[in-house]
């Protein structure tokens, strides 16, 4: 059951939508919200604070100026969050923290059941367009599931669960089932992308989906279908199926990836976050 929801605030356009999703869940579960704005001083602190007096003085002044700029952005974000929640009657707290954004968000996740964040969140208030790894680090290293929001609000009635039997997929499925954010009456389709065209591979995929179906049924989900998708790029297959079924939410695992390639999500999750218009439910 969801009783505390953390909303990561950012100047991006999907943060207000994330707040809207969080408010809807809070009303459903009589839960409270925490709006968190992080002044990320880790990306603006001078790399060297020692040297010539003039350069050191300039570095300190620059750091203070950028920090103050970020604090002002945080104040505006908190004010917007308060204004959005005030008119709904939902209980909430609005707080500002300073430090590395992923550290502060992960710390907050320890005491909340769910994190809600926009997919375009970068969390560097003084450089709002700069690409960061914060969201990936939060999802992969946090201690609660994350609902990643895109730029459109939609009521969740149909859920697509990408399940390949991996530990990452199992954690996301279990996190979704245990929180039960949208009740038991939703439509759920379990999908598995086959690794080839052989009958043996199809049977293996069907067996994996059956195990996931039994798990859902034991938790009293009844409206369940299963689909083995043809071999191909997983993100493309998932997106194609989402469009075919008009699913409102995609549940999948946040896979690891080689540090040589990218210290972020696995390629499938990265592609989905980049391309989908549908919210994603991910567990660490």
Protein backbone atom coordinates (compact mmCIF):
# COMPACT_ATOMS: atom_id res chain seq x y z
CA UNK A 1 0.00 0.00 0.00
CA UNK A 2 1.17 3.51 -0.79
CA UNK A 3 1.20 5.96 2.12
CA UNK A 4 4.10 8.30 1.29
CA UNK A 5 5.02 9.56 -2.18
CA UNK A 6 8.18 11.49 -3.04
CA UNK A 7 8.00 13.92 -5.97
CA UNK A 8 11.36 15.01 -7.39
CA UNK A 9 10.97 18.63 -8.53
CA UNK A 10 12.75 19.96 -11.62
CA UNK A 11 12.22 22.91 -14.01
CA UNK A 12 11.37 20.55 -16.88
CA UNK A 13 7.91 20.54 -18.46
CA UNK A 14 6.89 17.10 -17.17
CA UNK A 15 7.34 17.85 -13.45
CA UNK A 16 3.81 19.39 -13.22
CA UNK A 17 2.48 16.20 -14.85
CA UNK A 18 4.45 14.12 -12.33
CA UNK A 19 2.84 16.14 -9.55
CA UNK A 20 -0.59 15.45 -11.08
CA UNK A 21 0.08 11.69 -11.07
CA UNK A 22 1.30 11.88 -7.48
CA UNK A 23 -1.79 13.80 -6.37
CA UNK A 24 -4.10 11.22 -7.98
CA UNK A 25 -2.33 8.38 -6.16
CA UNK A 26 -2.34 10.29 -2.87
CA UNK A 27 -6.11 10.76 -3.12
CA UNK A 28 -6.62 7.09 -3.91
CA UNK A 29 -4.62 5.85 -0.92
CA UNK A 30 -5.07 8.77 1.47
CA UNK A 31 -1.31 9.18 1.22
CA UNK A 32 0.91 12.20 1.80
CA UNK A 33 3.23 13.85 -0.70
CA UNK A 34 6.74 15.21 -0.25
CA UNK A 35 7.90 17.70 -2.84
CA UNK A 36 11.71 17.66 -2.90
CA UNK A 37 13.80 20.38 -4.54
CA UNK A 38 17.56 19.76 -4.50
CA UNK A 39 20.05 22.56 -4.94
CA UNK A 40 22.78 20.46 -6.54
CA UNK A 41 25.95 22.23 -5.47
CA UNK A 42 28.04 19.27 -6.62
CA UNK A 43 28.01 20.47 -10.22
CA UNK A 44 28.87 24.10 -9.50
CA UNK A 45 31.52 23.89 -6.80
CA UNK A 46 34.91 25.09 -8.11
CA UNK A 47 37.19 22.23 -9.09
CA UNK A 48 39.99 24.06 -7.31
CA UNK A 49 39.58 26.60 -4.55
CA UNK A 50 43.29 27.19 -4.08
CA UNK A 51 45.58 29.30 -6.23
CA UNK A 52 46.08 32.98 -6.86
CA UNK A 53 44.07 35.22 -4.55
CA UNK A 54 42.21 36.85 -7.43
CA UNK A 55 41.29 33.53 -9.10
CA UNK A 56 40.24 32.00 -5.77
CA UNK A 57 38.08 35.02 -5.00
CA UNK A 58 36.50 34.84 -8.45
CA UNK A 59 35.82 31.11 -8.04
CA UNK A 60 34.13 31.64 -4.68
CA UNK A 61 32.00 34.48 -6.06
CA UNK A 62 30.98 32.37 -9.05
CA UNK A 63 30.05 29.44 -6.83
CA UNK A 64 27.99 31.67 -4.56
CA UNK A 65 26.25 33.30 -7.53
CA UNK A 66 25.36 29.97 -9.16
CA UNK A 67 24.29 28.48 -5.83
CA UNK A 68 21.99 31.41 -5.15
CA UNK A 69 20.56 31.12 -8.65
CA UNK A 70 19.79 27.44 -8.02
CA UNK A 71 18.25 28.25 -4.63
CA UNK A 72 15.90 30.73 -6.31
CA UNK A 73 14.84 28.08 -8.82
CA UNK A 74 14.23 25.65 -5.93
CA UNK A 75 12.03 28.24 -4.18
CA UNK A 76 9.93 28.68 -7.32
CA UNK A 77 9.58 24.92 -7.77
CA UNK A 78 8.43 24.49 -4.18
CA UNK A 79 5.97 27.36 -4.52
CA UNK A 80 4.53 25.78 -7.69
CA UNK A 81 4.28 22.40 -5.97
CA UNK A 82 2.52 23.91 -2.93
CA UNK A 83 0.08 25.78 -5.17
CA UNK A 84 -0.77 22.61 -7.12
CA UNK A 85 -1.35 20.48 -4.02
CA UNK A 86 -3.05 23.12 -1.84
CA UNK A 87 -6.17 23.17 -3.97
CA UNK A 88 -6.57 19.37 -3.78
CA UNK A 89 -6.66 18.93 0.00
CA UNK A 90 -3.88 16.33 -0.11
CA UNK A 91 -1.46 16.31 2.82
CA UNK A 92 2.04 17.34 1.83
CA UNK A 93 5.47 18.56 2.85
CA UNK A 94 7.69 20.73 0.65
CA UNK A 95 11.40 20.63 1.40
CA UNK A 96 14.66 21.92 -0.03
CA UNK A 97 17.96 20.07 0.28
CA UNK A 98 21.48 20.88 -0.85
CA UNK A 99 24.15 18.50 -2.12
CA UNK A 100 24.34 15.94 -4.92
CA UNK A 101 20.82 15.52 -6.28
CA UNK A 102 20.97 11.71 -6.60
CA UNK A 103 22.20 11.37 -3.00
CA UNK A 104 19.41 13.54 -1.63
CA UNK A 105 16.70 11.84 -3.69
CA UNK A 106 17.92 8.34 -2.80
CA UNK A 107 18.01 9.33 0.87
CA UNK A 108 14.41 10.53 0.58
CA UNK A 109 13.35 7.28 -1.09
CA UNK A 110 14.27 5.38 2.07
CA UNK A 111 11.22 6.82 3.81
CA UNK A 112 8.73 6.81 0.91
CA UNK A 113 6.88 4.04 -0.89
CA UNK A 114 7.20 5.51 -4.37
CA UNK A 115 9.22 8.14 -6.24
CA UNK A 116 7.50 10.08 -9.01
CA UNK A 117 9.74 11.98 -11.43
CA UNK A 118 9.60 13.40 -14.94
CA UNK A 119 11.64 11.60 -17.59
CA UNK A 120 13.30 14.86 -18.69
CA UNK A 121 14.45 15.69 -15.17
CA UNK A 122 18.11 16.72 -15.03
CA UNK A 123 18.21 18.25 -11.51
CA UNK A 124 20.94 20.79 -12.29
CA UNK A 125 18.90 23.94 -11.74
CA UNK A 126 21.62 26.26 -13.04
CA UNK A 127 21.99 24.14 -16.21
CA UNK A 128 18.46 22.83 -16.86
CA UNK A 129 19.24 21.44 -20.33
CA UNK A 130 22.42 19.62 -19.36
CA UNK A 131 22.19 15.84 -19.73
CA UNK A 132 22.79 14.06 -16.42
CA UNK A 133 22.79 10.51 -15.10
CA UNK A 134 20.79 11.44 -12.01
CA UNK A 135 17.51 9.73 -12.93
CA UNK A 136 19.27 6.49 -13.90
CA UNK A 137 21.31 6.48 -10.69
CA UNK A 138 18.22 7.14 -8.60
CA UNK A 139 16.20 4.35 -10.21
CA UNK A 140 19.02 1.82 -10.09
CA UNK A 141 20.33 2.59 -6.62
CA UNK A 142 17.21 3.76 -4.80
CA UNK A 143 15.24 1.62 -2.39
CA UNK A 144 11.71 2.13 -3.70
CA UNK A 145 10.05 1.89 -7.13
CA UNK A 146 9.98 4.88 -9.45
CA UNK A 147 7.14 6.08 -11.65
CA UNK A 148 8.76 7.92 -14.58
CA UNK A 149 6.33 10.38 -16.14
CA UNK A 150 6.22 11.75 -19.68
CA UNK A 151 4.49 14.89 -20.91
CA UNK A 152 0.84 13.77 -20.82
CA UNK A 153 -1.47 12.69 -18.00
CA UNK A 154 -3.60 9.62 -18.62
CA UNK A 155 -5.73 7.45 -16.38
CA UNK A 156 -4.12 4.05 -15.86
CA UNK A 157 -6.44 1.23 -16.99
CA UNK A 158 -4.21 -0.94 -19.18
CA UNK A 159 -0.73 -2.01 -18.11
CA UNK A 160 1.93 -3.62 -20.28
CA UNK A 161 4.45 -5.70 -18.31
CA UNK A 162 7.68 -6.52 -20.16
CA UNK A 163 8.81 -9.72 -18.46
CA UNK A 164 11.80 -11.81 -19.51
CA UNK A 165 12.30 -13.71 -16.26
CA UNK A 166 15.36 -11.67 -15.27
CA UNK A 167 15.94 -10.45 -11.72
CA UNK A 168 15.41 -6.85 -12.85
CA UNK A 169 12.06 -7.67 -14.47
CA UNK A 170 10.99 -9.69 -11.42
CA UNK A 171 11.80 -6.82 -9.05
CA UNK A 172 9.69 -4.42 -11.09
CA UNK A 173 6.79 -6.87 -11.31
CA UNK A 174 6.90 -7.55 -7.57
CA UNK A 175 7.21 -3.85 -6.77
CA UNK A 176 4.15 -3.10 -8.88
CA UNK A 177 2.12 -5.95 -7.38
CA UNK A 178 3.05 -5.13 -3.79
CA UNK A 179 2.23 -1.43 -4.15
CA UNK A 180 -0.83 -2.12 -6.30
CA UNK A 181 -0.97 1.55 -7.37
CA UNK A 182 -3.93 1.14 -9.72
CA UNK A 183 -5.89 -1.63 -8.05
CA UNK A 184 -6.58 -5.22 -9.12
CA UNK A 185 -9.18 -4.56 -11.79
CA UNK A 186 -6.79 -3.12 -14.37
CA UNK A 187 -6.00 -4.97 -17.60
CA UNK A 188 -2.50 -6.48 -17.58
CA UNK A 189 -0.70 -7.90 -20.58
CA UNK A 190 2.51 -9.82 -19.98
CA UNK A 191 4.89 -9.72 -22.93
CA UNK A 192 8.14 -11.50 -23.70
CA UNK A 193 10.34 -10.85 -26.73
CA UNK A 194 11.39 -14.20 -28.17
CA UNK A 195 15.12 -14.67 -28.74
CA UNK A 196 14.49 -16.51 -32.01
CA UNK A 197 11.98 -18.27 -34.23
CA UNK A 198 12.49 -21.80 -32.97
CA UNK A 199 9.58 -23.58 -31.29
CA UNK A 200 11.77 -24.34 -28.30
CA UNK A 201 12.48 -20.65 -27.73
CA UNK A 202 8.80 -19.77 -28.04
CA UNK A 203 7.89 -22.48 -25.53
CA UNK A 204 10.53 -21.15 -23.13
CA UNK A 205 9.09 -17.64 -23.44
CA UNK A 206 5.56 -18.92 -22.85
CA UNK A 207 6.73 -20.81 -19.76
CA UNK A 208 8.27 -17.63 -18.31
CA UNK A 209 5.05 -15.71 -18.90
CA UNK A 210 2.98 -18.46 -17.27
CA UNK A 211 5.04 -18.21 -14.09
CA UNK A 212 4.49 -14.44 -14.02
CA UNK A 213 0.78 -14.97 -14.64
CA UNK A 214 0.52 -17.39 -11.69
CA UNK A 215 2.22 -14.81 -9.48
CA UNK A 216 -0.27 -12.15 -10.49
CA UNK A 217 -3.23 -14.50 -10.02
CA UNK A 218 -2.10 -15.35 -6.50
CA UNK A 219 -2.32 -11.63 -5.78
CA UNK A 220 -5.88 -11.59 -7.12
CA UNK A 221 -5.23 -9.94 -10.46
CA UNK A 222 -7.68 -11.55 -12.86
CA UNK A 223 -7.69 -9.61 -16.14
CA UNK A 224 -4.40 -10.98 -17.50
CA UNK A 225 -3.31 -11.80 -21.04
CA UNK A 226 0.03 -13.06 -22.35
CA UNK A 227 1.85 -12.38 -25.61
CA UNK A 228 5.17 -13.64 -27.00
CA UNK A 229 6.50 -11.06 -29.44
CA UNK A 230 8.68 -11.91 -32.39
CA UNK A 231 12.42 -11.55 -32.18
CA UNK A 232 13.77 -8.03 -32.61
CA UNK A 233 15.05 -5.01 -30.75
CA UNK A 234 13.25 -5.18 -27.37
CA UNK A 235 12.50 -1.47 -27.08
CA UNK A 236 10.99 -1.38 -30.59
CA UNK A 237 8.85 -4.45 -29.91
CA UNK A 238 7.61 -3.05 -26.59
CA UNK A 239 6.74 0.33 -28.12
CA UNK A 240 4.95 -1.33 -31.04
CA UNK A 241 2.88 -3.44 -28.64
CA UNK A 242 2.09 -0.43 -26.48
CA UNK A 243 0.70 1.39 -29.51
CA UNK A 244 -1.28 -1.68 -30.61
CA UNK A 245 -2.90 -2.14 -27.20
CA UNK A 246 -2.99 1.56 -26.22
CA UNK A 247 -1.54 0.60 -22.83
CA UNK A 248 -1.39 3.42 -20.28
CA UNK A 249 1.69 2.24 -18.39
CA UNK A 250 4.74 0.07 -19.06
CA UNK A 251 6.34 -1.98 -16.26
CA UNK A 252 9.89 -3.15 -16.86
CA UNK A 253 13.24 -3.73 -15.20
CA UNK A 254 15.99 -1.11 -15.17
CA UNK A 255 18.83 -3.21 -16.52
CA UNK A 256 22.49 -2.53 -15.87
CA UNK A 257 24.87 -1.66 -18.66
CA UNK A 258 28.62 -1.67 -19.21
CA UNK A 259 30.42 1.33 -17.72
CA UNK A 260 32.34 1.59 -20.97
CA UNK A 261 29.15 2.30 -22.89
CA UNK A 262 27.17 4.44 -20.49
CA UNK A 263 26.72 4.68 -16.73
CA UNK A 264 23.00 4.86 -17.05
CA UNK A 265 20.05 2.60 -17.82
CA UNK A 266 20.30 -0.50 -19.93
CA UNK A 267 19.77 0.14 -23.64
CA UNK A 268 16.13 -1.05 -23.63
CA UNK A 269 15.13 1.16 -20.69
CA UNK A 270 17.09 4.10 -22.10
CA UNK A 271 15.35 3.78 -25.48
CA UNK A 272 11.93 3.52 -23.87
CA UNK A 273 12.44 6.55 -21.63
CA UNK A 274 13.64 8.51 -24.64
CA UNK A 275 10.92 7.47 -27.09
CA UNK A 276 7.76 6.55 -25.22
CA UNK A 277 4.85 8.83 -24.42
CA UNK A 278 3.71 6.31 -21.81
CA UNK A 279 4.75 6.40 -18.14
CA UNK A 280 7.17 3.72 -16.95
CA UNK A 281 7.19 1.86 -13.65
CA UNK A 282 10.72 0.77 -12.66
CA UNK A 283 12.22 -0.87 -9.59
CA UNK A 284 15.87 -0.90 -8.51
